[in-house]
PDB file of N, CA and C in Angstrom:
ATOM      1  N   MET A   1     -20.103  29.418  36.681  1.00  0.00           N
ATOM      2  CA  MET A   1     -21.347  29.881  37.271  1.00  0.00           C
ATOM      3  C   MET A   1     -21.116  30.381  38.700  1.00  0.00           C
ATOM      4  N   VAL A   2     -20.394  29.608  39.499  1.00  0.00           N
ATOM      5  CA  VAL A   2     -20.114  30.014  40.875  1.00  0.00           C
ATOM      6  C   VAL A   2     -19.284  31.295  40.881  1.00  0.00           C
ATOM      7  N   ASN A   3     -18.311  31.407  39.977  1.00  0.00           N
ATOM      8  CA  ASN A   3     -17.479  32.602  39.910  1.00  0.00           C
ATOM      9  C   ASN A   3     -18.301  33.825  39.531  1.00  0.00           C
ATOM     10  N   ASP A   4     -19.260  33.676  38.611  1.00  0.00           N
ATOM     11  CA  ASP A   4     -20.134  34.783  38.231  1.00  0.00           C
ATOM     12  C   ASP A   4     -20.955  35.246  39.427  1.00  0.00           C
ATOM     13  N   ARG A   5     -21.449  34.314  40.188  1.00  0.00           N
ATOM     14  CA  ARG A   5     -22.254  34.635  41.375  1.00  0.00           C
ATOM     15  C   ARG A   5     -21.413  35.417  42.377  1.00  0.00           C
ATOM     16  N   GLN A   6     -20.209  34.911  42.645  1.00  0.00           N
ATOM     17  CA  GLN A   6     -19.329  35.583  43.602  1.00  0.00           C
ATOM     18  C   GLN A   6     -18.914  36.962  43.085  1.00  0.00           C
ATOM     19  N   PHE A   7     -18.709  37.085  41.783  1.00  0.00           N
ATOM     20  CA  PHE A   7     -18.343  38.377  41.204  1.00  0.00           C
ATOM     21  C   PHE A   7     -19.456  39.397  41.450  1.00  0.00           C
ATOM     22  N   LEU A   8     -20.707  38.992  41.281  1.00  0.00           N
ATOM     23  CA  LEU A   8     -21.842  39.886  41.536  1.00  0.00           C
ATOM     24  C   LEU A   8     -21.958  40.253  43.018  1.00  0.00           C
ATOM     25  N   ILE A   9     -21.710  39.295  43.883  1.00  0.00           N
ATOM     26  CA  ILE A   9     -21.736  39.569  45.325  1.00  0.00           C
ATOM     27  C   ILE A   9     -20.637  40.572  45.674  1.00  0.00           C
ATOM     28  N   ASP A  10     -19.446  40.339  45.137  1.00  0.00           N
ATOM     29  CA  ASP A  10     -18.331  41.263  45.386  1.00  0.00           C
ATOM     30  C   ASP A  10     -18.641  42.647  44.844  1.00  0.00           C
ATOM     31  N   LEU A  11     -19.233  42.711  43.654  1.00  0.00           N
ATOM     32  CA  LEU A  11     -19.617  43.993  43.058  1.00  0.00           C
ATOM     33  C   LEU A  11     -20.621  44.716  43.953  1.00  0.00           C
ATOM     34  N   ALA A  12     -21.586  43.981  44.454  1.00  0.00           N
ATOM     35  CA  ALA A  12     -22.629  44.587  45.288  1.00  0.00           C
ATOM     36  C   ALA A  12     -22.051  45.216  46.550  1.00  0.00           C
ATOM     37  N   LYS A  13     -20.961  44.645  47.069  1.00  0.00           N
ATOM     38  CA  LYS A  13     -20.376  45.120  48.316  1.00  0.00           C
ATOM     39  C   LYS A  13     -19.202  46.082  48.108  1.00  0.00           C
ATOM     40  N   MET A  14     -18.769  46.252  46.862  1.00  0.00           N
ATOM     41  CA  MET A  14     -17.579  47.051  46.579  1.00  0.00           C
ATOM     42  C   MET A  14     -17.858  48.548  46.636  1.00  0.00           C
ATOM     43  N   LYS A  15     -16.968  49.253  47.319  1.00  0.00           N
ATOM     44  CA  LYS A  15     -17.048  50.712  47.389  1.00  0.00           C
ATOM     45  C   LYS A  15     -15.886  51.308  46.596  1.00  0.00           C
ATOM     46  N   MET A  16     -16.105  52.483  46.066  1.00  0.00           N
ATOM     47  CA  MET A  16     -15.070  53.185  45.310  1.00  0.00           C
ATOM     48  C   MET A  16     -13.883  53.445  46.231  1.00  0.00           C
ATOM     49  N   PRO A  17     -12.684  52.980  45.845  1.00  0.00           N
ATOM     50  CA  PRO A  17     -11.538  53.093  46.749  1.00  0.00           C
ATOM     51  C   PRO A  17     -10.796  54.435  46.698  1.00  0.00           C
ATOM     52  N   PHE A  18     -11.151  55.315  45.777  1.00  0.00           N
ATOM     53  CA  PHE A  18     -10.418  56.573  45.640  1.00  0.00           C
ATOM     54  C   PHE A  18     -11.278  57.626  44.962  1.00  0.00           C
ATOM     55  N   GLY A  19     -10.779  58.848  44.943  1.00  0.00           N
ATOM     56  CA  GLY A  19     -11.408  59.918  44.181  1.00  0.00           C
ATOM     57  C   GLY A  19     -12.569  60.598  44.880  1.00  0.00           C
ATOM     58  N   LYS A  20     -13.250  61.392  44.092  1.00  0.00           N
ATOM     59  CA  LYS A  20     -14.360  62.217  44.569  1.00  0.00           C
ATOM     60  C   LYS A  20     -15.459  61.400  45.254  1.00  0.00           C
ATOM     61  N   PHE A  21     -15.677  60.192  44.778  1.00  0.00           N
ATOM     62  CA  PHE A  21     -16.756  59.357  45.298  1.00  0.00           C
ATOM     63  C   PHE A  21     -16.234  58.197  46.153  1.00  0.00           C
ATOM     64  N   LYS A  22     -15.051  58.378  46.736  1.00  0.00           N
ATOM     65  CA  LYS A  22     -14.458  57.354  47.600  1.00  0.00           C
ATOM     66  C   LYS A  22     -15.458  56.977  48.702  1.00  0.00           C
ATOM     67  N   GLY A  23     -15.631  55.666  48.894  1.00  0.00           N
ATOM     68  CA  GLY A  23     -16.519  55.167  49.939  1.00  0.00           C
ATOM     69  C   GLY A  23     -17.951  54.919  49.492  1.00  0.00           C
ATOM     70  N   ARG A  24     -18.293  55.331  48.283  1.00  0.00           N
ATOM     71  CA  ARG A  24     -19.653  55.105  47.773  1.00  0.00           C
ATOM     72  C   ARG A  24     -19.676  53.756  47.049  1.00  0.00           C
ATOM     73  N   TYR A  25     -20.772  53.017  47.242  1.00  0.00           N
ATOM     74  CA  TYR A  25     -20.904  51.744  46.526  1.00  0.00           C
ATOM     75  C   TYR A  25     -20.806  51.998  45.022  1.00  0.00           C
ATOM     76  N   LEU A  26     -20.112  51.098  44.322  1.00  0.00           N
ATOM     77  CA  LEU A  26     -19.943  51.272  42.882  1.00  0.00           C
ATOM     78  C   LEU A  26     -21.278  51.411  42.169  1.00  0.00           C
ATOM     79  N   ILE A  27     -22.256  50.627  42.572  1.00  0.00           N
ATOM     80  CA  ILE A  27     -23.545  50.657  41.887  1.00  0.00           C
ATOM     81  C   ILE A  27     -24.260  51.983  42.114  1.00  0.00           C
ATOM     82  N   ASP A  28     -23.864  52.727  43.135  1.00  0.00           N
ATOM     83  CA  ASP A  28     -24.490  54.010  43.438  1.00  0.00           C
ATOM     84  C   ASP A  28     -23.702  55.200  42.898  1.00  0.00           C
ATOM     85  N   LEU A  29     -22.644  54.936  42.144  1.00  0.00           N
ATOM     86  CA  LEU A  29     -21.899  56.035  41.532  1.00  0.00           C
ATOM     87  C   LEU A  29     -22.785  56.735  40.505  1.00  0.00           C
ATOM     88  N   PRO A  30     -22.640  58.055  40.373  1.00  0.00           N
ATOM     89  CA  PRO A  30     -23.450  58.771  39.376  1.00  0.00           C
ATOM     90  C   PRO A  30     -23.168  58.256  37.963  1.00  0.00           C
ATOM     91  N   GLU A  31     -24.206  58.196  37.183  1.00  0.00           N
ATOM     92  CA  GLU A  31     -24.077  57.681  35.820  1.00  0.00           C
ATOM     93  C   GLU A  31     -23.037  58.460  35.022  1.00  0.00           C
ATOM     94  N   HIS A  32     -23.006  59.792  35.163  1.00  0.00           N
ATOM     95  CA  HIS A  32     -22.057  60.593  34.381  1.00  0.00           C
ATOM     96  C   HIS A  32     -20.609  60.221  34.711  1.00  0.00           C
ATOM     97  N   TYR A  33     -20.349  59.820  35.947  1.00  0.00           N
ATOM     98  CA  TYR A  33     -19.012  59.416  36.369  1.00  0.00           C
ATOM     99  C   TYR A  33     -18.613  58.095  35.706  1.00  0.00           C
ATOM    100  N   ILE A  34     -19.540  57.153  35.693  1.00  0.00           N
ATOM    101  CA  ILE A  34     -19.275  55.856  35.053  1.00  0.00           C
ATOM    102  C   ILE A  34     -19.098  56.040  33.537  1.00  0.00           C
ATOM    103  N   VAL A  35     -19.914  56.894  32.927  1.00  0.00           N
ATOM    104  CA  VAL A  35     -19.789  57.155  31.487  1.00  0.00           C
ATOM    105  C   VAL A  35     -18.438  57.811  31.195  1.00  0.00           C
ATOM    106  N   TRP A  36     -17.992  58.719  32.073  1.00  0.00           N
ATOM    107  CA  TRP A  36     -16.688  59.342  31.901  1.00  0.00           C
ATOM    108  C   TRP A  36     -15.590  58.281  31.888  1.00  0.00           C
ATOM    109  N   TYR A  37     -15.665  57.328  32.812  1.00  0.00           N
ATOM    110  CA  TYR A  37     -14.688  56.232  32.835  1.00  0.00           C
ATOM    111  C   TYR A  37     -14.814  55.365  31.590  1.00  0.00           C
ATOM    112  N   LYS A  38     -16.018  55.144  31.133  1.00  0.00           N
ATOM    113  CA  LYS A  38     -16.222  54.351  29.914  1.00  0.00           C
ATOM    114  C   LYS A  38     -15.467  54.988  28.744  1.00  0.00           C
ATOM    115  N   ASN A  39     -15.541  56.314  28.662  1.00  0.00           N
ATOM    116  CA  ASN A  39     -14.873  57.026  27.577  1.00  0.00           C
ATOM    117  C   ASN A  39     -13.360  57.136  27.798  1.00  0.00           C
ATOM    118  N   LYS A  40     -12.942  57.296  29.034  1.00  0.00           N
ATOM    119  CA  LYS A  40     -11.527  57.460  29.391  1.00  0.00           C
ATOM    120  C   LYS A  40     -10.798  56.115  29.416  1.00  0.00           C
ATOM    121  N   GLY A  41     -11.517  55.111  29.852  1.00  0.00           N
ATOM    122  CA  GLY A  41     -10.927  53.789  30.048  1.00  0.00           C
ATOM    123  C   GLY A  41     -11.048  53.401  31.508  1.00  0.00           C
ATOM    124  N   PHE A  42     -11.636  52.256  31.760  1.00  0.00           N
ATOM    125  CA  PHE A  42     -11.787  51.771  33.127  1.00  0.00           C
ATOM    126  C   PHE A  42     -10.421  51.371  33.682  1.00  0.00           C
ATOM    127  N   PRO A  43     -10.254  51.422  35.003  1.00  0.00           N
ATOM    128  CA  PRO A  43      -8.990  50.979  35.601  1.00  0.00           C
ATOM    129  C   PRO A  43      -8.722  49.509  35.262  1.00  0.00           C
ATOM    130  N   ASN A  44      -7.486  49.125  35.382  1.00  0.00           N
ATOM    131  CA  ASN A  44      -7.122  47.723  35.168  1.00  0.00           C
ATOM    132  C   ASN A  44      -7.603  46.868  36.325  1.00  0.00           C
ATOM    133  N   GLY A  45      -7.712  45.601  36.082  1.00  0.00           N
ATOM    134  CA  GLY A  45      -8.008  44.639  37.138  1.00  0.00           C
ATOM    135  C   GLY A  45      -9.486  44.512  37.469  1.00  0.00           C
ATOM    136  N   LYS A  46      -9.713  43.960  38.648  1.00  0.00           N
ATOM    137  CA  LYS A  46     -11.076  43.639  39.088  1.00  0.00           C
ATOM    138  C   LYS A  46     -11.948  44.887  39.194  1.00  0.00           C
ATOM    139  N   LEU A  47     -11.386  45.984  39.729  1.00  0.00           N
ATOM    140  CA  LEU A  47     -12.161  47.219  39.859  1.00  0.00           C
ATOM    141  C   LEU A  47     -12.679  47.680  38.503  1.00  0.00           C
ATOM    142  N   GLY A  48     -11.837  47.652  37.497  1.00  0.00           N
ATOM    143  CA  GLY A  48     -12.253  48.062  36.154  1.00  0.00           C
ATOM    144  C   GLY A  48     -13.353  47.175  35.597  1.00  0.00           C
ATOM    145  N   LYS A  49     -13.237  45.879  35.830  1.00  0.00           N
ATOM    146  CA  LYS A  49     -14.276  44.949  35.375  1.00  0.00           C
ATOM    147  C   LYS A  49     -15.592  45.203  36.103  1.00  0.00           C
ATOM    148  N   GLN A  50     -15.487  45.500  37.395  1.00  0.00           N
ATOM    149  CA  GLN A  50     -16.691  45.799  38.166  1.00  0.00           C
ATOM    150  C   GLN A  50     -17.330  47.093  37.670  1.00  0.00           C
ATOM    151  N   MET A  51     -16.531  48.118  37.418  1.00  0.00           N
ATOM    152  CA  MET A  51     -17.064  49.396  36.941  1.00  0.00           C
ATOM    153  C   MET A  51     -17.686  49.248  35.548  1.00  0.00           C
ATOM    154  N   GLU A  52     -17.078  48.421  34.725  1.00  0.00           N
ATOM    155  CA  GLU A  52     -17.644  48.161  33.395  1.00  0.00           C
ATOM    156  C   GLU A  52     -19.009  47.481  33.516  1.00  0.00           C
ATOM    157  N   LEU A  53     -19.144  46.574  34.456  1.00  0.00           N
ATOM    158  CA  LEU A  53     -20.429  45.917  34.676  1.00  0.00           C
ATOM    159  C   LEU A  53     -21.454  46.898  35.239  1.00  0.00           C
ATOM    160  N   VAL A  54     -21.008  47.801  36.124  1.00  0.00           N
ATOM    161  CA  VAL A  54     -21.896  48.854  36.632  1.00  0.00           C
ATOM    162  C   VAL A  54     -22.418  49.687  35.462  1.00  0.00           C
ATOM    163  N   TYR A  55     -21.543  50.007  34.523  1.00  0.00           N
ATOM    164  CA  TYR A  55     -21.956  50.751  33.332  1.00  0.00           C
ATOM    165  C   TYR A  55     -23.091  50.020  32.618  1.00  0.00           C
ATOM    166  N   GLU A  56     -22.927  48.722  32.416  1.00  0.00           N
ATOM    167  CA  GLU A  56     -23.947  47.927  31.724  1.00  0.00           C
ATOM    168  C   GLU A  56     -25.256  47.881  32.518  1.00  0.00           C
ATOM    169  N   PHE A  57     -25.157  47.707  33.829  1.00  0.00           N
ATOM    170  CA  PHE A  57     -26.362  47.706  34.668  1.00  0.00           C
ATOM    171  C   PHE A  57     -27.073  49.051  34.578  1.00  0.00           C
ATOM    172  N   GLN A  58     -26.308  50.145  34.679  1.00  0.00           N
ATOM    173  CA  GLN A  58     -26.921  51.474  34.614  1.00  0.00           C
ATOM    174  C   GLN A  58     -27.521  51.735  33.232  1.00  0.00           C
ATOM    175  N   LEU A  59     -26.828  51.335  32.204  1.00  0.00           N
ATOM    176  CA  LEU A  59     -27.309  51.523  30.833  1.00  0.00           C
ATOM    177  C   LEU A  59     -28.668  50.858  30.625  1.00  0.00           C
ATOM    178  N   ASN A  60     -28.850  49.723  31.284  1.00  0.00           N
ATOM    179  CA  ASN A  60     -30.080  48.949  31.114  1.00  0.00           C
ATOM    180  C   ASN A  60     -31.070  49.107  32.263  1.00  0.00           C
ATOM    181  N   GLY A  61     -30.775  50.014  33.197  1.00  0.00           N
ATOM    182  CA  GLY A  61     -31.692  50.277  34.301  1.00  0.00           C
ATOM    183  C   GLY A  61     -31.847  49.120  35.275  1.00  0.00           C
ATOM    184  N   LEU A  62     -30.766  48.380  35.496  1.00  0.00           N
ATOM    185  CA  LEU A  62     -30.836  47.176  36.314  1.00  0.00           C
ATOM    186  C   LEU A  62     -30.092  47.302  37.650  1.00  0.00           C
ATOM    187  N   GLU A  63     -29.850  48.529  38.094  1.00  0.00           N
ATOM    188  CA  GLU A  63     -29.085  48.741  39.316  1.00  0.00           C
ATOM    189  C   GLU A  63     -29.726  48.075  40.533  1.00  0.00           C
ATOM    190  N   ASP A  64     -31.038  48.013  40.565  1.00  0.00           N
ATOM    191  CA  ASP A  64     -31.732  47.443  41.725  1.00  0.00           C
ATOM    192  C   ASP A  64     -31.400  45.968  41.945  1.00  0.00           C
ATOM    193  N   ILE A  65     -31.012  45.272  40.898  1.00  0.00           N
ATOM    194  CA  ILE A  65     -30.606  43.868  41.051  1.00  0.00           C
ATOM    195  C   ILE A  65     -29.384  43.795  41.960  1.00  0.00           C
ATOM    196  N   VAL A  66     -28.420  44.668  41.712  1.00  0.00           N
ATOM    197  CA  VAL A  66     -27.194  44.676  42.514  1.00  0.00           C
ATOM    198  C   VAL A  66     -27.487  45.164  43.935  1.00  0.00           C
ATOM    199  N   ARG A  67     -28.359  46.128  44.065  1.00  0.00           N
ATOM    200  CA  ARG A  67     -28.733  46.613  45.405  1.00  0.00           C
ATOM    201  C   ARG A  67     -29.412  45.516  46.215  1.00  0.00           C
ATOM    202  N   LYS A  68     -30.229  44.711  45.567  1.00  0.00           N
ATOM    203  CA  LYS A  68     -30.901  43.591  46.234  1.00  0.00           C
ATOM    204  C   LYS A  68     -29.869  42.559  46.686  1.00  0.00           C
ATOM    205  N   ILE A  69     -28.903  42.283  45.851  1.00  0.00           N
ATOM    206  CA  ILE A  69     -27.833  41.349  46.223  1.00  0.00           C
ATOM    207  C   ILE A  69     -27.089  41.892  47.443  1.00  0.00           C
ATOM    208  N   ARG A  70     -26.803  43.186  47.450  1.00  0.00           N
ATOM    209  CA  ARG A  70     -26.107  43.807  48.585  1.00  0.00           C
ATOM    210  C   ARG A  70     -26.923  43.625  49.876  1.00  0.00           C
ATOM    211  N   GLN A  71     -28.227  43.842  49.780  1.00  0.00           N
ATOM    212  CA  GLN A  71     -29.098  43.637  50.949  1.00  0.00           C
ATOM    213  C   GLN A  71     -29.028  42.218  51.461  1.00  0.00           C
ATOM    214  N   ASP A  72     -29.016  41.268  50.542  1.00  0.00           N
ATOM    215  CA  ASP A  72     -29.049  39.859  50.908  1.00  0.00           C
ATOM    216  C   ASP A  72     -27.721  39.360  51.484  1.00  0.00           C
ATOM    217  N   TYR A  73     -26.606  40.023  51.146  1.00  0.00           N
ATOM    218  CA  TYR A  73     -25.289  39.506  51.522  1.00  0.00           C
ATOM    219  C   TYR A  73     -24.511  40.438  52.442  1.00  0.00           C
ATOM    220  N   THR A  74     -25.166  41.443  53.032  1.00  0.00           N
ATOM    221  CA  THR A  74     -24.436  42.273  53.991  1.00  0.00           C
ATOM    222  C   THR A  74     -25.131  42.278  55.329  1.00  0.00           C
TER     223      THR A  74
END
């Protein structure tokens, strides 16, 4: 439970480390970009897991939950 909480906090604060959208919060990446990664394959490691979760949040229209967490923890 604690690890899930910290994972969400980390996701809320994580910015894209490379590419066209470098420096943009993961949760604010354009949906088409996340879908492209979904089809291509997410990166390995924590970043890939975070991007996969962003995909799920965007798919279900729940991005504001992560934005609220970012507000509360930054």
